[in-house]
C-alpha atoms as a PDB file:
ATOM      1  CA  UNK A   1     236.447  56.798 -61.365  1.00  0.00           C
ATOM      2  CA  UNK A   2     236.359  57.315 -64.897  1.00  0.00           C
ATOM      3  CA  UNK A   3     240.502  56.128 -65.149  1.00  0.00           C
ATOM      4  CA  UNK A   4     238.945  52.892 -63.199  1.00  0.00           C
ATOM      5  CA  UNK A   5     236.511  52.244 -65.705  1.00  0.00           C
ATOM      6  CA  UNK A   6     239.142  52.919 -69.020  1.00  0.00           C
ATOM      7  CA  UNK A   7     241.506  50.591 -67.555  1.00  0.00           C
ATOM      8  CA  UNK A   8     238.971  48.618 -67.044  1.00  0.00           C
ATOM      9  CA  UNK A   9     237.812  48.389 -70.678  1.00  0.00           C
ATOM     10  CA  UNK A  10     241.216  48.282 -71.580  1.00  0.00           C
ATOM     11  CA  UNK A  11     242.220  44.718 -70.038  1.00  0.00           C
ATOM     12  CA  UNK A  12     239.334  43.145 -70.573  1.00  0.00           C
ATOM     13  CA  UNK A  13     238.826  43.418 -74.513  1.00  0.00           C
ATOM     14  CA  UNK A  14     241.937  41.946 -74.981  1.00  0.00           C
ATOM     15  CA  UNK A  15     241.665  42.693 -78.990  1.00  0.00           C
ATOM     16  CA  UNK A  16     240.169  45.775 -79.544  1.00  0.00           C
ATOM     17  CA  UNK A  17     242.863  47.896 -80.795  1.00  0.00           C
ATOM     18  CA  UNK A  18     240.504  50.704 -81.319  1.00  0.00           C
ATOM     19  CA  UNK A  19     239.983  51.188 -77.571  1.00  0.00           C
ATOM     20  CA  UNK A  20     243.329  50.587 -76.431  1.00  0.00           C
ATOM     21  CA  UNK A  21     244.355  53.145 -78.542  1.00  0.00           C
ATOM     22  CA  UNK A  22     242.100  55.401 -77.101  1.00  0.00           C
ATOM     23  CA  UNK A  23     243.229  54.821 -73.416  1.00  0.00           C
ATOM     24  CA  UNK A  24     246.606  55.527 -74.741  1.00  0.00           C
ATOM     25  CA  UNK A  25     246.496  58.739 -75.844  1.00  0.00           C
ATOM     26  CA  UNK A  26     244.297  59.688 -72.799  1.00  0.00           C
ATOM     27  CA  UNK A  27     247.318  58.039 -70.725  1.00  0.00           C
ATOM     28  CA  UNK A  28     249.609  59.740 -73.049  1.00  0.00           C
ATOM     29  CA  UNK A  29     247.899  63.182 -73.059  1.00  0.00           C
ATOM     30  CA  UNK A  30     247.926  63.312 -69.078  1.00  0.00           C
ATOM     31  CA  UNK A  31     251.485  62.502 -68.822  1.00  0.00           C
ATOM     32  CA  UNK A  32     252.454  65.130 -71.902  1.00  0.00           C
ATOM     33  CA  UNK A  33     250.301  68.195 -70.812  1.00  0.00           C
ATOM     34  CA  UNK A  34     251.096  67.883 -67.457  1.00  0.00           C
ATOM     35  CA  UNK A  35     254.880  67.162 -67.501  1.00  0.00           C
ATOM     36  CA  UNK A  36     255.489  68.756 -71.099  1.00  0.00           C
ATOM     37  CA  UNK A  37     258.960  68.107 -72.902  1.00  0.00           C
ATOM     38  CA  UNK A  38     260.947  71.211 -72.487  1.00  0.00           C
ATOM     39  CA  UNK A  39     262.292  72.175 -76.302  1.00  0.00           C
ATOM     40  CA  UNK A  40     260.706  68.572 -77.554  1.00  0.00           C
ATOM     41  CA  UNK A  41     257.349  69.418 -79.636  1.00  0.00           C
ATOM     42  CA  UNK A  42     254.612  68.111 -77.830  1.00  0.00           C
ATOM     43  CA  UNK A  43     252.439  67.880 -80.377  1.00  0.00           C
ATOM     44  CA  UNK A  44     253.643  65.059 -81.360  1.00  0.00           C
ATOM     45  CA  UNK A  45     251.493  63.064 -79.289  1.00  0.00           C
ATOM     46  CA  UNK A  46     248.410  66.284 -78.909  1.00  0.00           C
ATOM     47  CA  UNK A  47     246.093  68.250 -80.750  1.00  0.00           C
ATOM     48  CA  UNK A  48     247.194  71.906 -80.808  1.00  0.00           C
ATOM     49  CA  UNK A  49     243.999  73.665 -79.523  1.00  0.00           C
ATOM     50  CA  UNK A  50     245.041  71.140 -76.529  1.00  0.00           C
ATOM     51  CA  UNK A  51     248.689  72.274 -75.856  1.00  0.00           C
ATOM     52  CA  UNK A  52     247.793  76.005 -75.339  1.00  0.00           C
ATOM     53  CA  UNK A  53     248.167  77.495 -72.119  1.00  0.00           C
ATOM     54  CA  UNK A  54     245.230  78.796 -70.574  1.00  0.00           C
ATOM     55  CA  UNK A  55     244.618  81.510 -68.028  1.00  0.00           C
ATOM     56  CA  UNK A  56     243.603  79.060 -65.153  1.00  0.00           C
ATOM     57  CA  UNK A  57     246.933  76.776 -65.831  1.00  0.00           C
ATOM     58  CA  UNK A  58     247.550  76.554 -62.369  1.00  0.00           C
ATOM     59  CA  UNK A  59     244.042  74.648 -60.970  1.00  0.00           C
ATOM     60  CA  UNK A  60     245.051  72.896 -64.663  1.00  0.00           C
ATOM     61  CA  UNK A  61     247.833  71.219 -63.886  1.00  0.00           C
ATOM     62  CA  UNK A  62     246.875  70.342 -60.372  1.00  0.00           C
ATOM     63  CA  UNK A  63     243.851  68.751 -61.972  1.00  0.00           C
ATOM     64  CA  UNK A  64     245.893  66.858 -64.252  1.00  0.00           C
ATOM     65  CA  UNK A  65     248.142  65.598 -61.561  1.00  0.00           C
ATOM     66  CA  UNK A  66     245.628  64.681 -59.623  1.00  0.00           C
ATOM     67  CA  UNK A  67     244.493  62.530 -62.660  1.00  0.00           C
ATOM     68  CA  UNK A  68     248.024  60.772 -62.943  1.00  0.00           C
ATOM     69  CA  UNK A  69     248.074  59.871 -59.006  1.00  0.00           C
ATOM     70  CA  UNK A  70     244.364  58.717 -58.969  1.00  0.00           C
ATOM     71  CA  UNK A  71     245.618  56.601 -62.093  1.00  0.00           C
ATOM     72  CA  UNK A  72     249.043  55.331 -60.448  1.00  0.00           C
ATOM     73  CA  UNK A  73     247.743  55.204 -56.882  1.00  0.00           C
ATOM     74  CA  UNK A  74     244.460  54.510 -56.241  1.00  0.00           C
ATOM     75  CA  UNK A  75     243.843  52.352 -59.660  1.00  0.00           C
ATOM     76  CA  UNK A  76     247.295  50.709 -59.114  1.00  0.00           C
ATOM     77  CA  UNK A  77     247.781  51.115 -63.325  1.00  0.00           C
ATOM     78  CA  UNK A  78     251.627  49.774 -62.100  1.00  0.00           C
ATOM     79  CA  UNK A  79     250.499  47.438 -60.475  1.00  0.00           C
ATOM     80  CA  UNK A  80     248.108  45.837 -62.616  1.00  0.00           C
ATOM     81  CA  UNK A  81     250.351  46.914 -66.174  1.00  0.00           C
ATOM     82  CA  UNK A  82     252.571  44.507 -64.558  1.00  0.00           C
ATOM     83  CA  UNK A  83     250.259  41.964 -63.220  1.00  0.00           C
ATOM     84  CA  UNK A  84     248.833  41.690 -67.562  1.00  0.00           C
ATOM     85  CA  UNK A  85     252.481  41.823 -68.696  1.00  0.00           C
ATOM     86  CA  UNK A  86     253.247  38.223 -66.255  1.00  0.00           C
ATOM     87  CA  UNK A  87     249.631  36.619 -67.496  1.00  0.00           C
ATOM     88  CA  UNK A  88     251.148  37.461 -71.115  1.00  0.00           C
ATOM     89  CA  UNK A  89     254.061  35.680 -70.496  1.00  0.00           C
ATOM     90  CA  UNK A  90     252.510  32.968 -68.974  1.00  0.00           C
ATOM     91  CA  UNK A  91     250.064  32.760 -72.376  1.00  0.00           C
ATOM     92  CA  UNK A  92     252.648  33.104 -74.763  1.00  0.00           C
ATOM     93  CA  UNK A  93     254.958  30.205 -73.092  1.00  0.00           C
ATOM     94  CA  UNK A  94     252.206  27.074 -73.847  1.00  0.00           C
ATOM     95  CA  UNK A  95     252.665  25.375 -76.867  1.00  0.00           C
ATOM     96  CA  UNK A  96     249.807  27.489 -78.918  1.00  0.00           C
ATOM     97  CA  UNK A  97     250.072  30.458 -77.059  1.00  0.00           C
ATOM     98  CA  UNK A  98     249.892  34.084 -78.748  1.00  0.00           C
ATOM     99  CA  UNK A  99     250.695  37.218 -77.212  1.00  0.00           C
ATOM    100  CA  UNK A 100     247.562  39.550 -76.327  1.00  0.00           C
ATOM    101  CA  UNK A 101     246.253  41.832 -78.730  1.00  0.00           C
ATOM    102  CA  UNK A 102     247.080  45.124 -76.064  1.00  0.00           C
ATOM    103  CA  UNK A 103     250.907  44.139 -75.389  1.00  0.00           C
ATOM    104  CA  UNK A 104     252.088  46.745 -77.729  1.00  0.00           C
ATOM    105  CA  UNK A 105     250.327  49.723 -76.185  1.00  0.00           C
ATOM    106  CA  UNK A 106     250.693  47.913 -72.264  1.00  0.00           C
ATOM    107  CA  UNK A 107     254.882  48.717 -73.622  1.00  0.00           C
ATOM    108  CA  UNK A 108     254.118  52.480 -75.060  1.00  0.00           C
ATOM    109  CA  UNK A 109     252.485  53.308 -71.658  1.00  0.00           C
ATOM    110  CA  UNK A 110     254.745  51.382 -70.205  1.00  0.00           C
ATOM    111  CA  UNK A 111     257.501  53.104 -70.950  1.00  0.00           C
ATOM    112  CA  UNK A 112     255.553  56.662 -70.619  1.00  0.00           C
ATOM    113  CA  UNK A 113     255.024  56.242 -67.132  1.00  0.00           C
ATOM    114  CA  UNK A 114     258.490  55.201 -66.664  1.00  0.00           C
ATOM    115  CA  UNK A 115     260.301  57.864 -68.182  1.00  0.00           C
ATOM    116  CA  UNK A 116     258.140  60.333 -65.618  1.00  0.00           C
ATOM    117  CA  UNK A 117     260.073  58.467 -62.533  1.00  0.00           C
ATOM    118  CA  UNK A 118     263.417  59.541 -64.362  1.00  0.00           C
ATOM    119  CA  UNK A 119     262.353  63.143 -66.038  1.00  0.00           C
ATOM    120  CA  UNK A 120     263.983  65.930 -63.833  1.00  0.00           C
ATOM    121  CA  UNK A 121     260.210  68.039 -64.926  1.00  0.00           C
ATOM    122  CA  UNK A 122     258.713  66.565 -62.888  1.00  0.00           C
ATOM    123  CA  UNK A 123     260.660  64.911 -60.405  1.00  0.00           C
ATOM    124  CA  UNK A 124     259.373  66.435 -56.884  1.00  0.00           C
ATOM    125  CA  UNK A 125     255.994  65.322 -58.073  1.00  0.00           C
ATOM    126  CA  UNK A 126     257.157  61.600 -59.060  1.00  0.00           C
ATOM    127  CA  UNK A 127     259.142  61.533 -55.582  1.00  0.00           C
ATOM    128  CA  UNK A 128     255.745  62.175 -53.588  1.00  0.00           C
ATOM    129  CA  UNK A 129     254.080  59.679 -56.064  1.00  0.00           C
ATOM    130  CA  UNK A 130     257.329  57.157 -55.036  1.00  0.00           C
ATOM    131  CA  UNK A 131     256.859  57.355 -51.538  1.00  0.00           C
ATOM    132  CA  UNK A 132     252.824  56.626 -51.912  1.00  0.00           C
ATOM    133  CA  UNK A 133     253.292  54.151 -53.870  1.00  0.00           C
ATOM    134  CA  UNK A 134     255.301  52.259 -51.536  1.00  0.00           C
ATOM    135  CA  UNK A 135     258.949  50.658 -51.593  1.00  0.00           C
ATOM    136  CA  UNK A 136     258.113  47.337 -52.682  1.00  0.00           C
ATOM    137  CA  UNK A 137     255.623  48.032 -55.696  1.00  0.00           C
ATOM    138  CA  UNK A 138     259.067  50.719 -56.465  1.00  0.00           C
ATOM    139  CA  UNK A 139     261.163  47.778 -55.995  1.00  0.00           C
ATOM    140  CA  UNK A 140     258.875  45.592 -58.538  1.00  0.00           C
ATOM    141  CA  UNK A 141     258.482  48.693 -61.032  1.00  0.00           C
ATOM    142  CA  UNK A 142     262.382  49.136 -60.969  1.00  0.00           C
ATOM    143  CA  UNK A 143     262.436  45.641 -61.302  1.00  0.00           C
ATOM    144  CA  UNK A 144     260.378  45.416 -63.992  1.00  0.00           C
ATOM    145  CA  UNK A 145     261.212  48.072 -66.076  1.00  0.00           C
ATOM    146  CA  UNK A 146     264.796  46.700 -66.473  1.00  0.00           C
ATOM    147  CA  UNK A 147     264.624  43.132 -66.593  1.00  0.00           C
ATOM    148  CA  UNK A 148     261.166  42.590 -68.797  1.00  0.00           C
ATOM    149  CA  UNK A 149     260.348  46.237 -69.970  1.00  0.00           C
ATOM    150  CA  UNK A 150     263.984  46.876 -71.365  1.00  0.00           C
ATOM    151  CA  UNK A 151     264.672  43.856 -73.332  1.00  0.00           C
ATOM    152  CA  UNK A 152     261.712  44.492 -75.029  1.00  0.00           C
ATOM    153  CA  UNK A 153     262.522  47.645 -76.100  1.00  0.00           C
ATOM    154  CA  UNK A 154     265.677  46.547 -77.110  1.00  0.00           C
ATOM    155  CA  UNK A 155     264.399  43.785 -78.897  1.00  0.00           C
ATOM    156  CA  UNK A 156     261.501  46.133 -80.823  1.00  0.00           C
ATOM    157  CA  UNK A 157     264.301  49.302 -81.947  1.00  0.00           C
ATOM    158  CA  UNK A 158     264.379  49.392 -85.199  1.00  0.00           C
ATOM    159  CA  UNK A 159     267.020  52.186 -86.729  1.00  0.00           C
ATOM    160  CA  UNK A 160     265.436  52.361 -90.139  1.00  0.00           C
ATOM    161  CA  UNK A 161     267.942  54.678 -91.440  1.00  0.00           C
ATOM    162  CA  UNK A 162     270.153  51.555 -91.291  1.00  0.00           C
ATOM    163  CA  UNK A 163     268.636  50.936 -93.995  1.00  0.00           C
ATOM    164  CA  UNK A 164     270.498  52.006 -97.388  1.00  0.00           C
ATOM    165  CA  UNK A 165     268.356  51.088-100.630  1.00  0.00           C
ATOM    166  CA  UNK A 166     265.105  49.170-101.292  1.00  0.00           C
ATOM    167  CA  UNK A 167     265.688  48.507-104.970  1.00  0.00           C
ATOM    168  CA  UNK A 168     265.596  50.861-107.923  1.00  0.00           C
ATOM    169  CA  UNK A 169     263.890  50.288-111.121  1.00  0.00           C
ATOM    170  CA  UNK A 170     266.634  52.515-112.443  1.00  0.00           C
ATOM    171  CA  UNK A 171     270.076  52.144-114.111  1.00  0.00           C
ATOM    172  CA  UNK A 172     271.068  55.039-111.926  1.00  0.00           C
ATOM    173  CA  UNK A 173     274.000  54.497-109.024  1.00  0.00           C
ATOM    174  CA  UNK A 174     271.305  53.747-105.978  1.00  0.00           C
ATOM    175  CA  UNK A 175     272.390  56.540-102.749  1.00  0.00           C
ATOM    176  CA  UNK A 176     271.771  55.412 -99.547  1.00  0.00           C
ATOM    177  CA  UNK A 177     268.238  57.325 -98.068  1.00  0.00           C
ATOM    178  CA  UNK A 178     267.696  58.777 -94.487  1.00  0.00           C
ATOM    179  CA  UNK A 179     264.182  58.500 -93.365  1.00  0.00           C
ATOM    180  CA  UNK A 180     262.964  61.356 -91.701  1.00  0.00           C
ATOM    181  CA  UNK A 181     263.235  61.522 -87.874  1.00  0.00           C
ATOM    182  CA  UNK A 182     259.781  62.016 -87.877  1.00  0.00           C
ATOM    183  CA  UNK A 183     258.916  59.539 -90.046  1.00  0.00           C
ATOM    184  CA  UNK A 184     261.187  56.544 -88.607  1.00  0.00           C
ATOM    185  CA  UNK A 185     259.800  57.051 -85.107  1.00  0.00           C
ATOM    186  CA  UNK A 186     256.221  56.922 -86.227  1.00  0.00           C
ATOM    187  CA  UNK A 187     257.138  53.771 -88.110  1.00  0.00           C
ATOM    188  CA  UNK A 188     258.689  52.185 -85.003  1.00  0.00           C
ATOM    189  CA  UNK A 189     255.587  53.443 -83.236  1.00  0.00           C
ATOM    190  CA  UNK A 190     253.737  51.314 -85.492  1.00  0.00           C
ATOM    191  CA  UNK A 191     256.039  48.537 -84.795  1.00  0.00           C
ATOM    192  CA  UNK A 192     255.834  48.599 -81.582  1.00  0.00           C
ATOM    193  CA  UNK A 193     251.858  48.635 -81.406  1.00  0.00           C
ATOM    194  CA  UNK A 194     251.520  46.132 -83.752  1.00  0.00           C
END
C-alpha cells in the first residue's frame, strides 16, 4: 500500500522538507487530477504532460478515485492529520516547545482535502466518502476545519498586494506596485510551507 507507506514516512520524518513536499505533491496530484477545477489552470500544481486527458480516462478516473478513497478511508488520513495537529499543539505549548517541521505541509494538505468536501465538482463521490468515514469522524473533521484550520488560514493569509512600496533609490515618485496574482500566490504558498 504505497499511500500508507508515504503517509508513515511523512509523519515519521518530521524535519524532512523534501519528503514532505513530495508527499504533498502526490496528494495534490491525486486530488486535482481526479477532480480538476473548472476554468482554472490545473498546471499550477501539475506537469503539463500529466494533465492531458488519455484515451482511457474513465478507467484512470476510477483509479484516482480509488486512491483517494484508500487514502482517506483505509489509511485514516483525516484522523492522522488531526492527531498530528493535536500533538503539534501540545508540543508548541511546552516551555521550549517548537512547531513540527511538517506543519505547513499538513496545513496545505488539510486545506486541499477540506476543499473536496465542499466542491460541487466531486459532491457525489465525497458524499460516499462521508458515509464511509462515519458521522463521528466527519463531525471531528468539521470541528477541526472550523476551529483549528480556519484560524491558522486567517493568520497565515498575507495579502502581498497591500504593500505599497518597498523603497526606491531613485528620486522619482514611488508608484504603488501590484504583484501579479500568480506571484502573490506562490509567495503565500512559500510562507505557508515554512
